[in-house]
């Protein structure tokens, strides 16, 4: 499993971040052409002709002014699109993030050698959490290999948002906070939050700087349902 996570001892995960080029701004003509190509399969011939005329008018008029503003924005931002995308596609969305936005994440693929079986949910959870923590550790140590296109490094900054990051609900717009740090940058949260029968439990996933083993994680996971049934005090939570 560890070999499948592309571990690297030669390059640090975030070592190229400061040297990456800024996101280029496509030409106005290129953007308008891509728009027409994108809507073409959904329009009838007359609708396409009307859309083409509108796009042409836009490109010769206010489109030039808006494109100039975009170029000005790109002069002072390394990524002129990132904040807009984060706000529009994530923070302003007024529906549950789970399934609608956050529908995937790092996890081991177990089904090919451990078919689903009744009564193994917590065991599977412990193993899944263990390998997710291994991935977290790779990021902390900056040993996750840099993703590249050929020999050109790609932006790895989004990996910082996989762990120790929380979206705080707001009325019309949510906010995002991240407490992730590499080991070189300092300590960061290592606890796990477990929701069980309407109660919230938390425990540290490390002991003396070592990640807990799957059996140790399983011990905690087995204990939480017990406390929800037999403990009348919500503060009576299992601790390390």
Protein backbone atom coordinates (compact mmCIF):
# COMPACT_ATOMS: atom_id res chain seq x y z
CA UNK A 1 0.00 0.00 0.00
CA UNK A 2 2.78 2.42 0.89
CA UNK A 3 4.45 1.94 -2.51
CA UNK A 4 1.19 2.86 -4.22
CA UNK A 5 1.21 6.33 -2.62
CA UNK A 6 4.24 7.46 -4.67
CA UNK A 7 6.58 8.14 -1.79
CA UNK A 8 9.68 10.13 -2.62
CA UNK A 9 12.90 10.72 -0.70
CA UNK A 10 14.48 12.86 -3.42
CA UNK A 11 12.03 15.77 -3.68
CA UNK A 12 9.95 17.49 -1.01
CA UNK A 13 6.23 17.68 -1.69
CA UNK A 14 5.97 21.48 -1.64
CA UNK A 15 9.47 22.43 -2.71
CA UNK A 16 8.46 23.90 -6.08
CA UNK A 17 5.50 25.97 -4.87
CA UNK A 18 7.31 29.32 -4.86
CA UNK A 19 8.85 28.77 -8.28
CA UNK A 20 5.66 27.78 -10.12
CA UNK A 21 4.57 30.17 -12.88
CA UNK A 22 1.43 32.25 -12.47
CA UNK A 23 -1.80 31.01 -14.02
CA UNK A 24 -1.91 32.48 -17.54
CA UNK A 25 -4.92 34.39 -18.79
CA UNK A 26 -6.26 33.01 -22.08
CA UNK A 27 -6.90 35.50 -24.86
CA UNK A 28 -10.41 36.88 -25.18
CA UNK A 29 -10.76 35.24 -28.59
CA UNK A 30 -9.75 31.86 -27.20
CA UNK A 31 -12.27 32.09 -24.36
CA UNK A 32 -15.11 33.09 -26.68
CA UNK A 33 -14.27 30.26 -29.08
CA UNK A 34 -14.24 27.72 -26.26
CA UNK A 35 -17.61 28.99 -25.06
CA UNK A 36 -19.18 28.49 -28.46
CA UNK A 37 -17.66 25.01 -28.76
CA UNK A 38 -19.05 24.14 -25.32
CA UNK A 39 -22.64 25.20 -26.07
CA UNK A 40 -22.71 23.92 -29.67
CA UNK A 41 -23.96 20.38 -28.85
CA UNK A 42 -26.95 21.81 -26.95
CA UNK A 43 -28.19 24.35 -29.50
CA UNK A 44 -30.21 24.16 -32.68
CA UNK A 45 -28.78 25.81 -35.79
CA UNK A 46 -30.76 29.03 -35.31
CA UNK A 47 -29.85 29.19 -31.60
CA UNK A 48 -26.18 28.68 -32.43
CA UNK A 49 -26.28 31.48 -34.98
CA UNK A 50 -27.91 33.80 -32.44
CA UNK A 51 -25.37 32.85 -29.76
CA UNK A 52 -22.50 33.40 -32.21
CA UNK A 53 -23.79 36.89 -33.00
CA UNK A 54 -24.11 37.72 -29.28
CA UNK A 55 -20.58 36.46 -28.62
CA UNK A 56 -19.23 38.54 -31.49
CA UNK A 57 -20.91 41.68 -30.16
CA UNK A 58 -19.61 40.93 -26.67
CA UNK A 59 -16.05 40.43 -27.97
CA UNK A 60 -16.07 43.72 -29.83
CA UNK A 61 -17.66 45.67 -26.96
CA UNK A 62 -17.71 45.26 -23.21
CA UNK A 63 -15.82 41.98 -23.46
CA UNK A 64 -12.61 43.91 -24.17
CA UNK A 65 -13.07 46.01 -21.03
CA UNK A 66 -13.77 42.99 -18.85
CA UNK A 67 -10.80 41.13 -20.30
CA UNK A 68 -8.55 44.09 -19.49
CA UNK A 69 -9.77 43.98 -15.87
CA UNK A 70 -8.91 40.29 -15.82
CA UNK A 71 -5.39 41.04 -17.03
CA UNK A 72 -5.01 43.65 -14.29
CA UNK A 73 -6.14 41.13 -11.68
CA UNK A 74 -3.61 38.60 -12.97
CA UNK A 75 -0.78 41.10 -12.43
CA UNK A 76 -1.26 41.04 -8.66
CA UNK A 77 -2.33 37.41 -8.17
CA UNK A 78 -0.44 34.22 -8.98
CA UNK A 79 -3.76 32.49 -9.58
CA UNK A 80 -6.44 34.90 -10.74
CA UNK A 81 -9.11 32.16 -10.81
CA UNK A 82 -8.58 30.32 -7.49
CA UNK A 83 -10.54 32.61 -5.14
CA UNK A 84 -13.45 32.94 -7.56
CA UNK A 85 -13.64 29.17 -8.00
CA UNK A 86 -13.40 28.53 -4.25
CA UNK A 87 -16.21 30.97 -3.50
CA UNK A 88 -18.57 30.14 -6.36
CA UNK A 89 -18.13 26.36 -6.49
CA UNK A 90 -17.63 25.65 -2.79
CA UNK A 91 -18.25 28.35 -0.20
CA UNK A 92 -21.40 29.89 -1.72
CA UNK A 93 -23.06 26.54 -2.46
CA UNK A 94 -26.16 26.26 -0.24
CA UNK A 95 -26.42 22.46 -0.13
CA UNK A 96 -24.68 19.75 1.94
CA UNK A 97 -21.02 19.35 0.99
CA UNK A 98 -21.07 15.60 1.48
CA UNK A 99 -22.06 13.86 -1.79
CA UNK A 100 -22.76 17.19 -3.54
CA UNK A 101 -19.24 18.65 -3.28
CA UNK A 102 -16.96 16.41 -1.20
CA UNK A 103 -17.77 13.09 -2.80
CA UNK A 104 -14.30 11.55 -2.65
CA UNK A 105 -11.03 11.48 -0.77
CA UNK A 106 -7.94 9.42 -0.01
CA UNK A 107 -8.78 5.90 1.14
CA UNK A 108 -7.43 2.37 0.68
CA UNK A 109 -9.09 0.09 -1.81
CA UNK A 110 -9.93 -3.06 0.15
CA UNK A 111 -12.75 -4.76 -1.73
CA UNK A 112 -10.49 -6.62 -4.16
CA UNK A 113 -9.07 -8.79 -1.37
CA UNK A 114 -11.57 -8.31 1.50
CA UNK A 115 -15.14 -8.63 0.21
CA UNK A 116 -17.81 -6.79 2.25
CA UNK A 117 -18.99 -8.84 5.20
CA UNK A 118 -21.49 -8.13 7.96
CA UNK A 119 -19.91 -7.17 11.26
CA UNK A 120 -16.60 -5.90 9.84
CA UNK A 121 -17.46 -2.20 9.55
CA UNK A 122 -15.32 -1.03 12.46
CA UNK A 123 -12.40 -3.23 11.44
CA UNK A 124 -12.52 -1.76 7.94
CA UNK A 125 -12.79 1.74 9.40
CA UNK A 126 -9.70 1.19 11.56
CA UNK A 127 -7.69 0.03 8.56
CA UNK A 128 -8.98 2.87 6.37
CA UNK A 129 -8.13 5.44 9.05
CA UNK A 130 -4.66 3.91 9.50
CA UNK A 131 -3.78 4.32 5.82
CA UNK A 132 -5.31 7.78 5.66
CA UNK A 133 -3.01 8.69 8.55
CA UNK A 134 -0.05 7.23 6.64
CA UNK A 135 -0.92 9.59 3.78
CA UNK A 136 -1.19 12.48 6.28
CA UNK A 137 2.26 11.56 7.59
CA UNK A 138 3.71 11.60 4.08
CA UNK A 139 2.42 15.13 3.63
CA UNK A 140 3.69 16.19 7.05
CA UNK A 141 7.16 14.89 6.19
CA UNK A 142 6.88 16.23 2.59
CA UNK A 143 7.64 12.77 1.21
CA UNK A 144 4.65 12.55 -1.14
CA UNK A 145 6.14 12.68 -4.63
CA UNK A 146 5.55 15.88 -6.59
CA UNK A 147 2.94 15.39 -9.30
CA UNK A 148 4.26 16.29 -12.73
CA UNK A 149 3.33 16.56 -16.37
CA UNK A 150 6.41 15.02 -17.94
CA UNK A 151 9.17 16.79 -16.05
CA UNK A 152 7.12 19.90 -15.22
CA UNK A 153 5.96 20.03 -11.54
CA UNK A 154 2.32 20.76 -10.81
CA UNK A 155 0.79 22.79 -7.99
CA UNK A 156 0.61 20.66 -4.81
CA UNK A 157 -1.02 23.27 -2.57
CA UNK A 158 -4.46 21.60 -2.52
CA UNK A 159 -2.96 18.62 -0.66
CA UNK A 160 -2.72 20.93 2.36
CA UNK A 161 -6.51 21.02 2.44
CA UNK A 162 -6.99 17.26 2.75
CA UNK A 163 -6.34 17.24 6.49
CA UNK A 164 -6.78 19.56 9.48
CA UNK A 165 -9.16 21.71 7.42
CA UNK A 166 -12.71 22.74 8.24
CA UNK A 167 -15.49 24.54 6.41
CA UNK A 168 -17.36 26.76 8.86
CA UNK A 169 -21.03 27.29 7.93
CA UNK A 170 -22.30 30.78 7.25
CA UNK A 171 -25.71 32.21 6.33
CA UNK A 172 -24.94 33.08 2.71
CA UNK A 173 -21.28 32.06 2.46
CA UNK A 174 -19.15 29.57 4.38
CA UNK A 175 -15.52 30.13 5.37
CA UNK A 176 -12.54 27.81 5.22
CA UNK A 177 -9.86 27.38 7.89
CA UNK A 178 -6.86 25.06 7.72
CA UNK A 179 -4.47 24.14 10.52
CA UNK A 180 -2.29 21.76 8.52
CA UNK A 181 1.48 22.25 8.80
CA UNK A 182 4.44 20.25 7.64
CA UNK A 183 6.84 19.00 10.30
CA UNK A 184 9.26 21.75 9.28
CA UNK A 185 6.55 24.37 9.82
CA UNK A 186 5.55 23.12 13.28
CA UNK A 187 2.93 20.97 15.03
CA UNK A 188 -0.59 20.54 13.72
CA UNK A 189 -3.72 18.73 14.95
CA UNK A 190 -3.51 14.91 14.97
CA UNK A 191 -6.83 14.06 16.60
CA UNK A 192 -9.75 12.23 15.02
CA UNK A 193 -13.38 13.25 15.51
CA UNK A 194 -15.97 10.47 15.65
CA UNK A 195 -19.74 11.05 15.55
CA UNK A 196 -21.73 8.24 17.17
CA UNK A 197 -25.44 8.23 18.05
CA UNK A 198 -25.63 12.00 18.31
CA UNK A 199 -22.47 12.40 20.38
CA UNK A 200 -19.06 13.74 19.44
CA UNK A 201 -15.90 11.90 20.50
CA UNK A 202 -12.28 12.78 19.87
CA UNK A 203 -8.97 11.04 20.45
CA UNK A 204 -5.37 11.56 19.39
CA UNK A 205 -4.19 9.29 16.59
CA UNK A 206 -0.54 9.53 17.63
CA UNK A 207 1.33 8.33 20.69
CA UNK A 208 4.88 9.57 21.21
CA UNK A 209 4.93 10.78 17.57
CA UNK A 210 3.93 7.35 16.21
CA UNK A 211 0.62 6.68 14.47
CA UNK A 212 -1.62 4.24 16.32
CA UNK A 213 -1.84 0.77 14.80
CA UNK A 214 -5.14 -0.55 13.32
CA UNK A 215 -5.84 -2.65 16.47
CA UNK A 216 -5.26 0.40 18.67
CA UNK A 217 -7.55 2.53 16.50
CA UNK A 218 -10.13 -0.26 16.58
CA UNK A 219 -10.10 -0.25 20.38
CA UNK A 220 -11.24 3.37 20.40
CA UNK A 221 -13.86 2.80 17.71
CA UNK A 222 -15.31 -0.15 19.64
CA UNK A 223 -15.47 1.91 22.83
CA UNK A 224 -17.52 4.84 21.55
CA UNK A 225 -20.81 2.93 20.94
CA UNK A 226 -20.42 1.47 24.45
CA UNK A 227 -20.23 4.94 26.00
CA UNK A 228 -23.31 6.14 24.10
CA UNK A 229 -25.34 3.24 25.50
CA UNK A 230 -24.07 2.87 29.07
CA UNK A 231 -22.81 6.34 29.98
CA UNK A 232 -25.31 8.95 31.10
CA UNK A 233 -22.68 11.68 31.20
CA UNK A 234 -21.79 13.23 27.85
CA UNK A 235 -18.43 14.30 29.29
CA UNK A 236 -17.49 10.70 30.04
CA UNK A 237 -15.47 10.27 26.88
CA UNK A 238 -12.66 7.82 26.32
CA UNK A 239 -9.28 9.52 26.28
CA UNK A 240 -5.81 8.38 25.33
